[in-house]
C-alpha atoms as a PDB file:
ATOM      1  CA  MET A   1     205.637  60.269   4.924  1.00  0.00           C
ATOM      2  CA  ARG A   2     208.686  58.200   3.990  1.00  0.00           C
ATOM      3  CA  PHE A   3     209.119  55.566   1.327  1.00  0.00           C
ATOM      4  CA  GLY A   4     211.376  52.608   0.653  1.00  0.00           C
ATOM      5  CA  VAL A   5     211.433  52.134  -3.113  1.00  0.00           C
ATOM      6  CA  SER A   6     212.244  49.038  -5.148  1.00  0.00           C
ATOM      7  CA  ILE A   7     214.278  49.898  -8.237  1.00  0.00           C
ATOM      8  CA  ALA A   8     212.478  47.309 -10.318  1.00  0.00           C
ATOM      9  CA  THR A   9     209.092  48.923  -9.767  1.00  0.00           C
ATOM     10  CA  ALA A  10     209.854  52.582  -9.052  1.00  0.00           C
ATOM     11  CA  LEU A  11     209.701  53.467 -12.723  1.00  0.00           C
ATOM     12  CA  ILE A  12     210.742  56.889 -13.895  1.00  0.00           C
ATOM     13  CA  GLY A  13     207.414  57.339 -15.623  1.00  0.00           C
ATOM     14  CA  ALA A  14     205.560  56.766 -12.377  1.00  0.00           C
ATOM     15  CA  ALA A  15     207.741  59.292 -10.609  1.00  0.00           C
ATOM     16  CA  LEU A  16     207.023  61.901 -13.249  1.00  0.00           C
ATOM     17  CA  LEU A  17     203.426  61.211 -14.140  1.00  0.00           C
ATOM     18  CA  SER A  18     201.721  60.020 -10.966  1.00  0.00           C
ATOM     19  CA  GLY A  19     201.456  60.972  -7.335  1.00  0.00           C
ATOM     20  CA  ASP A  20     201.400  64.363  -5.681  1.00  0.00           C
ATOM     21  CA  VAL A  21     204.298  66.716  -5.379  1.00  0.00           C
ATOM     22  CA  ALA A  22     206.260  65.798  -2.260  1.00  0.00           C
ATOM     23  CA  GLY A  23     204.500  67.718   0.460  1.00  0.00           C
ATOM     24  CA  VAL A  24     206.786  70.447   1.712  1.00  0.00           C
ATOM     25  CA  ALA A  25     205.516  73.761   2.895  1.00  0.00           C
ATOM     26  CA  ALA A  26     206.832  76.383   0.494  1.00  0.00           C
ATOM     27  CA  PRO A  27     209.441  78.570   2.189  1.00  0.00           C
ATOM     28  CA  ALA A  28     209.144  82.334   2.246  1.00  0.00           C
ATOM     29  CA  GLY A  29     209.876  84.084  -1.008  1.00  0.00           C
ATOM     30  CA  PRO A  30     213.430  84.809  -2.127  1.00  0.00           C
ATOM     31  CA  ALA A  31     215.358  87.375  -0.125  1.00  0.00           C
ATOM     32  CA  ALA A  32     217.054  90.251  -1.894  1.00  0.00           C
ATOM     33  CA  GLY A  33     219.733  88.899  -4.205  1.00  0.00           C
ATOM     34  CA  GLU A  34     218.586  85.260  -4.024  1.00  0.00           C
ATOM     35  CA  LYS A  35     218.067  83.474  -7.330  1.00  0.00           C
ATOM     36  CA  PRO A  36     214.891  81.348  -7.637  1.00  0.00           C
ATOM     37  CA  VAL A  37     215.225  77.650  -8.508  1.00  0.00           C
ATOM     38  CA  ASP A  38     212.890  74.693  -8.113  1.00  0.00           C
ATOM     39  CA  VAL A  39     215.216  72.620  -5.917  1.00  0.00           C
ATOM     40  CA  GLU A  40     218.394  73.191  -3.949  1.00  0.00           C
ATOM     41  CA  LEU A  41     219.983  69.726  -4.096  1.00  0.00           C
ATOM     42  CA  VAL A  42     223.112  68.579  -2.273  1.00  0.00           C
ATOM     43  CA  LEU A  43     224.588  65.234  -3.353  1.00  0.00           C
ATOM     44  CA  ALA A  44     226.685  63.636  -0.588  1.00  0.00           C
ATOM     45  CA  LEU A  45     228.847  60.692  -1.750  1.00  0.00           C
ATOM     46  CA  ASP A  46     230.439  58.176   0.617  1.00  0.00           C
ATOM     47  CA  VAL A  47     234.165  57.627  -0.068  1.00  0.00           C
ATOM     48  CA  SER A  48     235.012  55.593   3.035  1.00  0.00           C
ATOM     49  CA  TYR A  49     237.376  52.627   2.683  1.00  0.00           C
ATOM     50  CA  SER A  50     234.462  50.173   2.813  1.00  0.00           C
ATOM     51  CA  MET A  51     233.551  51.438  -0.664  1.00  0.00           C
ATOM     52  CA  ASP A  52     235.664  49.578  -3.209  1.00  0.00           C
ATOM     53  CA  LEU A  53     237.098  51.359  -6.257  1.00  0.00           C
ATOM     54  CA  ASP A  54     234.514  49.828  -8.564  1.00  0.00           C
ATOM     55  CA  GLU A  55     231.676  51.129  -6.396  1.00  0.00           C
ATOM     56  CA  LEU A  56     233.249  54.588  -6.259  1.00  0.00           C
ATOM     57  CA  ALA A  57     233.535  54.660 -10.041  1.00  0.00           C
ATOM     58  CA  LEU A  58     229.953  53.418 -10.513  1.00  0.00           C
ATOM     59  CA  GLN A  59     228.716  56.059  -8.073  1.00  0.00           C
ATOM     60  CA  ARG A  60     230.380  58.864 -10.033  1.00  0.00           C
ATOM     61  CA  GLU A  61     229.324  57.506 -13.414  1.00  0.00           C
ATOM     62  CA  GLY A  62     225.766  56.979 -12.177  1.00  0.00           C
ATOM     63  CA  TYR A  63     225.338  60.620 -11.173  1.00  0.00           C
ATOM     64  CA  ALA A  64     227.015  61.928 -14.330  1.00  0.00           C
ATOM     65  CA  GLN A  65     224.809  59.797 -16.582  1.00  0.00           C
ATOM     66  CA  ALA A  66     221.638  60.609 -14.637  1.00  0.00           C
ATOM     67  CA  ILE A  67     222.172  64.366 -14.934  1.00  0.00           C
ATOM     68  CA  VAL A  68     222.381  64.255 -18.729  1.00  0.00           C
ATOM     69  CA  SER A  69     219.581  61.725 -19.187  1.00  0.00           C
ATOM     70  CA  LYS A  70     216.410  62.492 -21.112  1.00  0.00           C
ATOM     71  CA  GLU A  71     214.268  61.754 -18.036  1.00  0.00           C
ATOM     72  CA  PHE A  72     216.261  64.149 -15.827  1.00  0.00           C
ATOM     73  CA  LEU A  73     215.975  66.957 -18.370  1.00  0.00           C
ATOM     74  CA  GLN A  74     212.233  66.301 -18.688  1.00  0.00           C
ATOM     75  CA  ALA A  75     211.881  66.460 -14.912  1.00  0.00           C
ATOM     76  CA  LEU A  76     213.771  69.741 -14.949  1.00  0.00           C
ATOM     77  CA  LYS A  77     211.171  71.258 -17.277  1.00  0.00           C
ATOM     78  CA  SER A  78     208.311  70.235 -14.968  1.00  0.00           C
ATOM     79  CA  GLY A  79     209.163  72.856 -12.324  1.00  0.00           C
ATOM     80  CA  PRO A  80     208.035  76.488 -12.354  1.00  0.00           C
ATOM     81  CA  THR A  81     211.540  77.846 -13.043  1.00  0.00           C
ATOM     82  CA  GLY A  82     213.011  74.875 -14.928  1.00  0.00           C
ATOM     83  CA  LYS A  83     216.171  75.246 -12.857  1.00  0.00           C
ATOM     84  CA  VAL A  84     217.892  73.180 -10.184  1.00  0.00           C
ATOM     85  CA  ALA A  85     220.789  74.396  -8.026  1.00  0.00           C
ATOM     86  CA  LEU A  86     223.170  71.526  -7.306  1.00  0.00           C
ATOM     87  CA  ALA A  87     226.278  70.950  -5.194  1.00  0.00           C
ATOM     88  CA  MET A  88     228.200  67.701  -4.661  1.00  0.00           C
ATOM     89  CA  PHE A  89     230.683  66.654  -2.012  1.00  0.00           C
ATOM     90  CA  GLU A  90     232.471  63.517  -0.829  1.00  0.00           C
ATOM     91  CA  TRP A  91     232.457  62.483   2.806  1.00  0.00           C
ATOM     92  CA  ALA A  92     234.073  59.992   5.186  1.00  0.00           C
ATOM     93  CA  ALA A  93     235.001  60.936   8.793  1.00  0.00           C
ATOM     94  CA  SER A  94     233.221  63.722  10.684  1.00  0.00           C
ATOM     95  CA  SER A  95     235.977  66.176   9.742  1.00  0.00           C
ATOM     96  CA  ASP A  96     236.486  64.891   6.188  1.00  0.00           C
ATOM     97  CA  GLN A  97     234.291  66.408   3.511  1.00  0.00           C
ATOM     98  CA  LYS A  98     235.474  67.622   0.116  1.00  0.00           C
ATOM     99  CA  LEU A  99     233.348  69.799  -2.142  1.00  0.00           C
ATOM    100  CA  ILE A 100     233.820  68.586  -5.710  1.00  0.00           C
ATOM    101  CA  ILE A 101     230.989  70.505  -7.417  1.00  0.00           C
ATOM    102  CA  PRO A 102     230.374  73.968  -5.919  1.00  0.00           C
ATOM    103  CA  TRP A 103     226.884  75.366  -6.372  1.00  0.00           C
ATOM    104  CA  VAL A 104     225.864  75.419 -10.009  1.00  0.00           C
ATOM    105  CA  VAL A 105     222.535  75.841 -11.793  1.00  0.00           C
ATOM    106  CA  ILE A 106     221.350  73.168 -14.220  1.00  0.00           C
ATOM    107  CA  ASP A 107     218.744  74.575 -16.601  1.00  0.00           C
ATOM    108  CA  GLY A 108     219.140  72.468 -19.738  1.00  0.00           C
ATOM    109  CA  PRO A 109     221.356  70.120 -21.742  1.00  0.00           C
ATOM    110  CA  GLU A 110     224.401  72.402 -21.934  1.00  0.00           C
ATOM    111  CA  SER A 111     224.667  73.048 -18.213  1.00  0.00           C
ATOM    112  CA  ALA A 112     223.876  69.377 -17.487  1.00  0.00           C
ATOM    113  CA  ASP A 113     226.703  68.263 -19.793  1.00  0.00           C
ATOM    114  CA  ALA A 114     229.129  70.653 -18.082  1.00  0.00           C
ATOM    115  CA  VAL A 115     228.246  69.370 -14.601  1.00  0.00           C
ATOM    116  CA  ALA A 116     228.492  65.730 -15.695  1.00  0.00           C
ATOM    117  CA  ALA A 117     231.945  66.399 -17.131  1.00  0.00           C
ATOM    118  CA  GLU A 118     233.089  67.968 -13.849  1.00  0.00           C
ATOM    119  CA  ILE A 119     231.820  64.978 -11.861  1.00  0.00           C
ATOM    120  CA  LEU A 120     233.825  62.563 -13.989  1.00  0.00           C
ATOM    121  CA  LYS A 121     236.927  64.780 -13.999  1.00  0.00           C
ATOM    122  CA  SER A 122     237.423  64.950 -10.233  1.00  0.00           C
ATOM    123  CA  PRO A 123     239.919  62.304  -8.979  1.00  0.00           C
ATOM    124  CA  ILE A 124     238.456  59.387  -7.037  1.00  0.00           C
ATOM    125  CA  ARG A 125     239.709  59.113  -3.454  1.00  0.00           C
ATOM    126  CA  ARG A 126     239.061  57.001  -0.355  1.00  0.00           C
ATOM    127  CA  ALA A 127     239.274  57.920   3.322  1.00  0.00           C
ATOM    128  CA  SER A 128     238.781  56.535   6.835  1.00  0.00           C
ATOM    129  CA  ARG A 129     235.617  56.250   8.947  1.00  0.00           C
ATOM    130  CA  THR A 130     231.946  56.760   8.172  1.00  0.00           C
ATOM    131  CA  SER A 131     230.200  59.842   9.506  1.00  0.00           C
ATOM    132  CA  ILE A 132     226.757  60.346   8.018  1.00  0.00           C
ATOM    133  CA  SER A 133     226.154  62.939  10.728  1.00  0.00           C
ATOM    134  CA  GLY A 134     229.247  64.809   9.575  1.00  0.00           C
ATOM    135  CA  ALA A 135     227.917  64.760   6.012  1.00  0.00           C
ATOM    136  CA  ILE A 136     224.563  66.175   7.107  1.00  0.00           C
ATOM    137  CA  ASN A 137     226.231  68.844   9.242  1.00  0.00           C
ATOM    138  CA  PHE A 138     228.402  69.844   6.279  1.00  0.00           C
ATOM    139  CA  ALA A 139     225.387  69.991   3.952  1.00  0.00           C
ATOM    140  CA  ILE A 140     223.204  72.182   6.188  1.00  0.00           C
ATOM    141  CA  PRO A 141     225.266  75.387   5.821  1.00  0.00           C
ATOM    142  CA  LEU A 142     225.673  74.677   2.113  1.00  0.00           C
ATOM    143  CA  LEU A 143     221.900  74.921   1.848  1.00  0.00           C
ATOM    144  CA  GLU A 144     221.532  77.778   4.310  1.00  0.00           C
ATOM    145  CA  GLU A 145     224.193  80.046   2.827  1.00  0.00           C
ATOM    146  CA  ASN A 146     224.016  79.547  -0.949  1.00  0.00           C
ATOM    147  CA  PRO A 147     222.708  82.337  -3.234  1.00  0.00           C
ATOM    148  CA  TYR A 148     219.666  80.343  -4.414  1.00  0.00           C
ATOM    149  CA  HIS A 149     216.094  80.025  -3.200  1.00  0.00           C
ATOM    150  CA  GLY A 150     214.400  76.707  -3.893  1.00  0.00           C
ATOM    151  CA  LEU A 151     210.862  75.535  -3.254  1.00  0.00           C
ATOM    152  CA  ARG A 152     212.532  72.431  -1.775  1.00  0.00           C
ATOM    153  CA  ARG A 153     215.908  71.850  -0.144  1.00  0.00           C
ATOM    154  CA  VAL A 154     217.206  68.285  -0.312  1.00  0.00           C
ATOM    155  CA  ILE A 155     220.247  66.381   0.952  1.00  0.00           C
ATOM    156  CA  ASP A 156     220.834  63.182  -1.036  1.00  0.00           C
ATOM    157  CA  ILE A 157     223.107  60.769   0.870  1.00  0.00           C
ATOM    158  CA  SER A 158     224.622  57.618  -0.610  1.00  0.00           C
ATOM    159  CA  GLY A 159     226.656  55.230   1.542  1.00  0.00           C
ATOM    160  CA  ASP A 160     227.400  51.592   2.340  1.00  0.00           C
ATOM    161  CA  GLY A 161     227.520  51.573   6.131  1.00  0.00           C
ATOM    162  CA  PRO A 162     226.121  53.059   9.343  1.00  0.00           C
ATOM    163  CA  ASN A 163     227.419  56.101  11.159  1.00  0.00           C
ATOM    164  CA  ASN A 164     230.469  55.236  13.301  1.00  0.00           C
ATOM    165  CA  ASN A 165     232.098  58.624  13.818  1.00  0.00           C
ATOM    166  CA  GLY A 166     231.007  62.056  14.987  1.00  0.00           C
ATOM    167  CA  MET A 167     227.707  62.858  16.680  1.00  0.00           C
ATOM    168  CA  PRO A 168     224.794  60.386  16.530  1.00  0.00           C
ATOM    169  CA  VAL A 169     223.206  60.530  13.107  1.00  0.00           C
ATOM    170  CA  THR A 170     219.719  61.182  14.488  1.00  0.00           C
ATOM    171  CA  LEU A 171     220.856  64.458  16.088  1.00  0.00           C
ATOM    172  CA  ALA A 172     222.213  65.728  12.776  1.00  0.00           C
ATOM    173  CA  ARG A 173     219.131  64.512  10.924  1.00  0.00           C
ATOM    174  CA  ASP A 174     216.783  66.260  13.345  1.00  0.00           C
ATOM    175  CA  ALA A 175     218.766  69.515  13.074  1.00  0.00           C
ATOM    176  CA  ALA A 176     218.291  69.422   9.296  1.00  0.00           C
ATOM    177  CA  LEU A 177     214.581  68.624   9.570  1.00  0.00           C
ATOM    178  CA  GLU A 178     214.059  71.584  11.914  1.00  0.00           C
ATOM    179  CA  LYS A 179     215.278  73.816   9.103  1.00  0.00           C
ATOM    180  CA  GLY A 180     212.815  72.308   6.631  1.00  0.00           C
ATOM    181  CA  ILE A 181     215.469  70.286   4.808  1.00  0.00           C
ATOM    182  CA  ILE A 182     214.532  66.892   3.315  1.00  0.00           C
ATOM    183  CA  ILE A 183     217.009  63.993   3.487  1.00  0.00           C
ATOM    184  CA  ASN A 184     216.822  61.072   1.033  1.00  0.00           C
ATOM    185  CA  GLY A 185     219.016  57.978   1.081  1.00  0.00           C
ATOM    186  CA  LEU A 186     220.748  55.572  -1.264  1.00  0.00           C
ATOM    187  CA  PRO A 187     222.062  52.675   0.880  1.00  0.00           C
ATOM    188  CA  ILE A 188     224.572  50.618  -1.102  1.00  0.00           C
ATOM    189  CA  MET A 189     224.184  46.924  -0.290  1.00  0.00           C
ATOM    190  CA  VAL A 190     225.908  45.117  -3.159  1.00  0.00           C
ATOM    191  CA  LYS A 191     228.415  43.198  -0.981  1.00  0.00           C
ATOM    192  CA  GLU A 192     227.847  40.668   1.761  1.00  0.00           C
ATOM    193  CA  PRO A 193     228.160  42.394   5.155  1.00  0.00           C
ATOM    194  CA  SER A 194     231.703  42.046   6.508  1.00  0.00           C
ATOM    195  CA  TYR A 195     233.052  42.487  10.032  1.00  0.00           C
ATOM    196  CA  SER A 196     236.301  43.848   8.600  1.00  0.00           C
ATOM    197  CA  THR A 197     234.513  46.801   7.010  1.00  0.00           C
ATOM    198  CA  MET A 198     231.939  47.087   9.835  1.00  0.00           C
ATOM    199  CA  ASP A 199     228.965  46.584   7.528  1.00  0.00           C
ATOM    200  CA  ILE A 200     225.528  45.725   8.882  1.00  0.00           C
ATOM    201  CA  ASP A 201     222.561  43.700   7.719  1.00  0.00           C
ATOM    202  CA  ASN A 202     219.454  45.670   6.749  1.00  0.00           C
ATOM    203  CA  LEU A 203     221.248  48.920   5.940  1.00  0.00           C
ATOM    204  CA  ASP A 204     218.087  50.031   4.142  1.00  0.00           C
ATOM    205  CA  TYR A 205     216.134  49.765   7.411  1.00  0.00           C
ATOM    206  CA  TYR A 206     218.860  51.777   9.152  1.00  0.00           C
ATOM    207  CA  TYR A 207     218.607  54.517   6.528  1.00  0.00           C
ATOM    208  CA  GLU A 208     214.834  54.660   6.824  1.00  0.00           C
ATOM    209  CA  ASP A 209     214.782  54.794  10.617  1.00  0.00           C
ATOM    210  CA  CYS A 210     217.906  56.827  11.301  1.00  0.00           C
ATOM    211  CA  VAL A 211     218.992  58.868   8.283  1.00  0.00           C
ATOM    212  CA  ILE A 212     216.180  60.085   6.038  1.00  0.00           C
ATOM    213  CA  GLY A 213     213.462  62.507   7.025  1.00  0.00           C
ATOM    214  CA  GLY A 214     211.110  65.252   5.947  1.00  0.00           C
ATOM    215  CA  PRO A 215     207.890  65.189   3.903  1.00  0.00           C
ATOM    216  CA  GLY A 216     208.150  62.770   0.986  1.00  0.00           C
ATOM    217  CA  SER A 217     211.599  61.491   1.983  1.00  0.00           C
ATOM    218  CA  PHE A 218     212.519  58.090   0.611  1.00  0.00           C
ATOM    219  CA  VAL A 219     215.159  55.362   0.410  1.00  0.00           C
ATOM    220  CA  ILE A 220     216.197  53.527  -2.742  1.00  0.00           C
ATOM    221  CA  SER A 221     218.486  50.645  -1.853  1.00  0.00           C
ATOM    222  CA  ILE A 222     221.026  49.086  -4.219  1.00  0.00           C
ATOM    223  CA  LYS A 223     221.325  45.334  -3.738  1.00  0.00           C
ATOM    224  CA  ASP A 224     222.620  44.461  -7.199  1.00  0.00           C
ATOM    225  CA  ARG A 225     225.780  45.952  -8.665  1.00  0.00           C
ATOM    226  CA  GLU A 226     224.167  45.870 -12.108  1.00  0.00           C
ATOM    227  CA  LYS A 227     221.403  48.159 -10.808  1.00  0.00           C
ATOM    228  CA  PHE A 228     223.782  50.745  -9.335  1.00  0.00           C
ATOM    229  CA  LYS A 229     223.426  53.365 -12.057  1.00  0.00           C
ATOM    230  CA  GLU A 230     219.708  52.703 -12.484  1.00  0.00           C
ATOM    231  CA  ALA A 231     219.097  53.409  -8.795  1.00  0.00           C
ATOM    232  CA  ILE A 232     220.953  56.721  -8.915  1.00  0.00           C
ATOM    233  CA  HIS A 233     219.051  57.668 -12.048  1.00  0.00           C
ATOM    234  CA  THR A 234     215.674  56.820 -10.498  1.00  0.00           C
ATOM    235  CA  LYS A 235     216.393  58.722  -7.291  1.00  0.00           C
ATOM    236  CA  LEU A 236     217.749  61.847  -8.961  1.00  0.00           C
ATOM    237  CA  VAL A 237     214.787  62.149 -11.326  1.00  0.00           C
ATOM    238  CA  MET A 238     212.324  61.691  -8.458  1.00  0.00           C
ATOM    239  CA  GLU A 239     214.071  64.390  -6.428  1.00  0.00           C
ATOM    240  CA  VAL A 240     214.101  66.904  -9.253  1.00  0.00           C
ATOM    241  CA  ALA A 241     210.507  66.188 -10.284  1.00  0.00           C
ATOM    242  CA  GLY A 242     209.424  66.516  -6.648  1.00  0.00           C
ATOM    243  CA  ARG A 243     207.031  63.604  -7.032  1.00  0.00           C
ATOM    244  CA  LEU A 244     206.567  60.143  -5.634  1.00  0.00           C
ATOM    245  CA  PRO A 245     204.908  57.004  -6.989  1.00  0.00           C
ATOM    246  CA  GLN A 246     201.138  57.004  -6.613  1.00  0.00           C
ATOM    247  CA  ARG A 247     201.338  54.214  -4.057  1.00  0.00           C
ATOM    248  CA  ARG A 248     203.996  52.997  -1.674  1.00  0.00           C
ATOM    249  CA  VAL A 249     206.228  50.718  -3.725  1.00  0.00           C
ATOM    250  CA  VAL A 250     207.701  47.934  -1.588  1.00  0.00           C
ATOM    251  CA  PRO A 251     207.833  50.107   1.547  1.00  0.00           C
ATOM    252  CA  VAL A 252     210.683  49.177   3.847  1.00  0.00           C
ATOM    253  CA  ALA A 253     208.362  49.034   6.849  1.00  0.00           C
ATOM    254  CA  ASP A 254     206.337  46.226   5.288  1.00  0.00           C
ATOM    255  CA  GLU A 255     209.452  44.056   4.991  1.00  0.00           C
ATOM    256  CA  ALA A 256     211.136  44.979   8.270  1.00  0.00           C
ATOM    257  CA  PRO A 257     211.957  42.379  10.916  1.00  0.00           C
ATOM    258  CA  ALA A 258     210.333  42.521  14.345  1.00  0.00           C
ATOM    259  CA  GLU A 259     213.298  44.466  15.738  1.00  0.00           C
ATOM    260  CA  ARG A 260     214.504  47.485  13.814  1.00  0.00           C
ATOM    261  CA  VAL A 261     218.190  48.359  13.480  1.00  0.00           C
ATOM    262  CA  SER A 262     219.592  50.512  16.300  1.00  0.00           C
ATOM    263  CA  CYS A 263     220.594  54.006  15.224  1.00  0.00           C
ATOM    264  CA  LEU A 264     223.801  53.554  17.265  1.00  0.00           C
ATOM    265  CA  VAL A 265     224.738  50.208  15.708  1.00  0.00           C
ATOM    266  CA  GLY A 266     227.759  51.633  13.887  1.00  0.00           C
ATOM    267  CA  GLU A 267     229.151  53.258  17.013  1.00  0.00           C
ATOM    268  CA  ARG A 268     228.685  50.009  18.956  1.00  0.00           C
ATOM    269  CA  ILE A 269     230.466  47.944  16.322  1.00  0.00           C
ATOM    270  CA  TRP A 270     233.374  50.402  16.356  1.00  0.00           C
ATOM    271  CA  GLN A 271     233.564  50.332  20.154  1.00  0.00           C
ATOM    272  CA  ASP A 272     233.409  46.535  20.275  1.00  0.00           C
ATOM    273  CA  ARG A 273     236.195  46.292  17.717  1.00  0.00           C
ATOM    274  CA  TRP A 274     238.531  49.028  18.914  1.00  0.00           C
ATOM    275  CA  GLY A 275     237.414  49.651  22.495  1.00  0.00           C
ATOM    276  CA  ARG A 276     237.064  53.399  21.967  1.00  0.00           C
END
């Protein structure tokens, strides 16, 4: 069950007050020494050169503001432990990931404020290539080896282009799904697609077909720069609450063209442009 969500209609109230908890089989109980939390959440932020500095700043500010928001803190209280374990990293090429927020527990306003401050404090950087598969492969051991035990384990990927480096994204996605990890997506589509930055049309379709997966996984696309922070806020609250809207809200599949986007489109564009 996967959803493509329109920001205008995926209201926070609907995410919190309607629909069933995203259907994930509860993992075995905590092992010795593991600390129980409701969600183990990894935030993976694209910092490839196709992201302009304004987008990078909005991305950071969006997450920082969402974490301290009233709706996020309300969602936090809805879980059995009232705690979320969170880590954040930046990604670009398959070998380029930088952890900017090591695992930390958010359990109320004070810890949320501290995490938001750390997000804003870390210097903004940019790097070459786009490897969503590399981001997923980096996130898997973060979830497998941390000291927390969540009822759900989620990788939250934001990015503005298709995979063009590293292994095919579907192989990485499937490896995560085999471990019971959910992947949600935030495709950033605020600029017109450009050959120079190897963008594609219908990035939201690409994310639905090739990137996200697991019970209750969803895509929230950003097509308006003014809605950037709102989209991050909506997605983060939905992930922490573990709920979905009561009905499919503007599902991507209902709007898709006859031919879906190839999961190797990014690799093909790179090969056509550079011949390697």
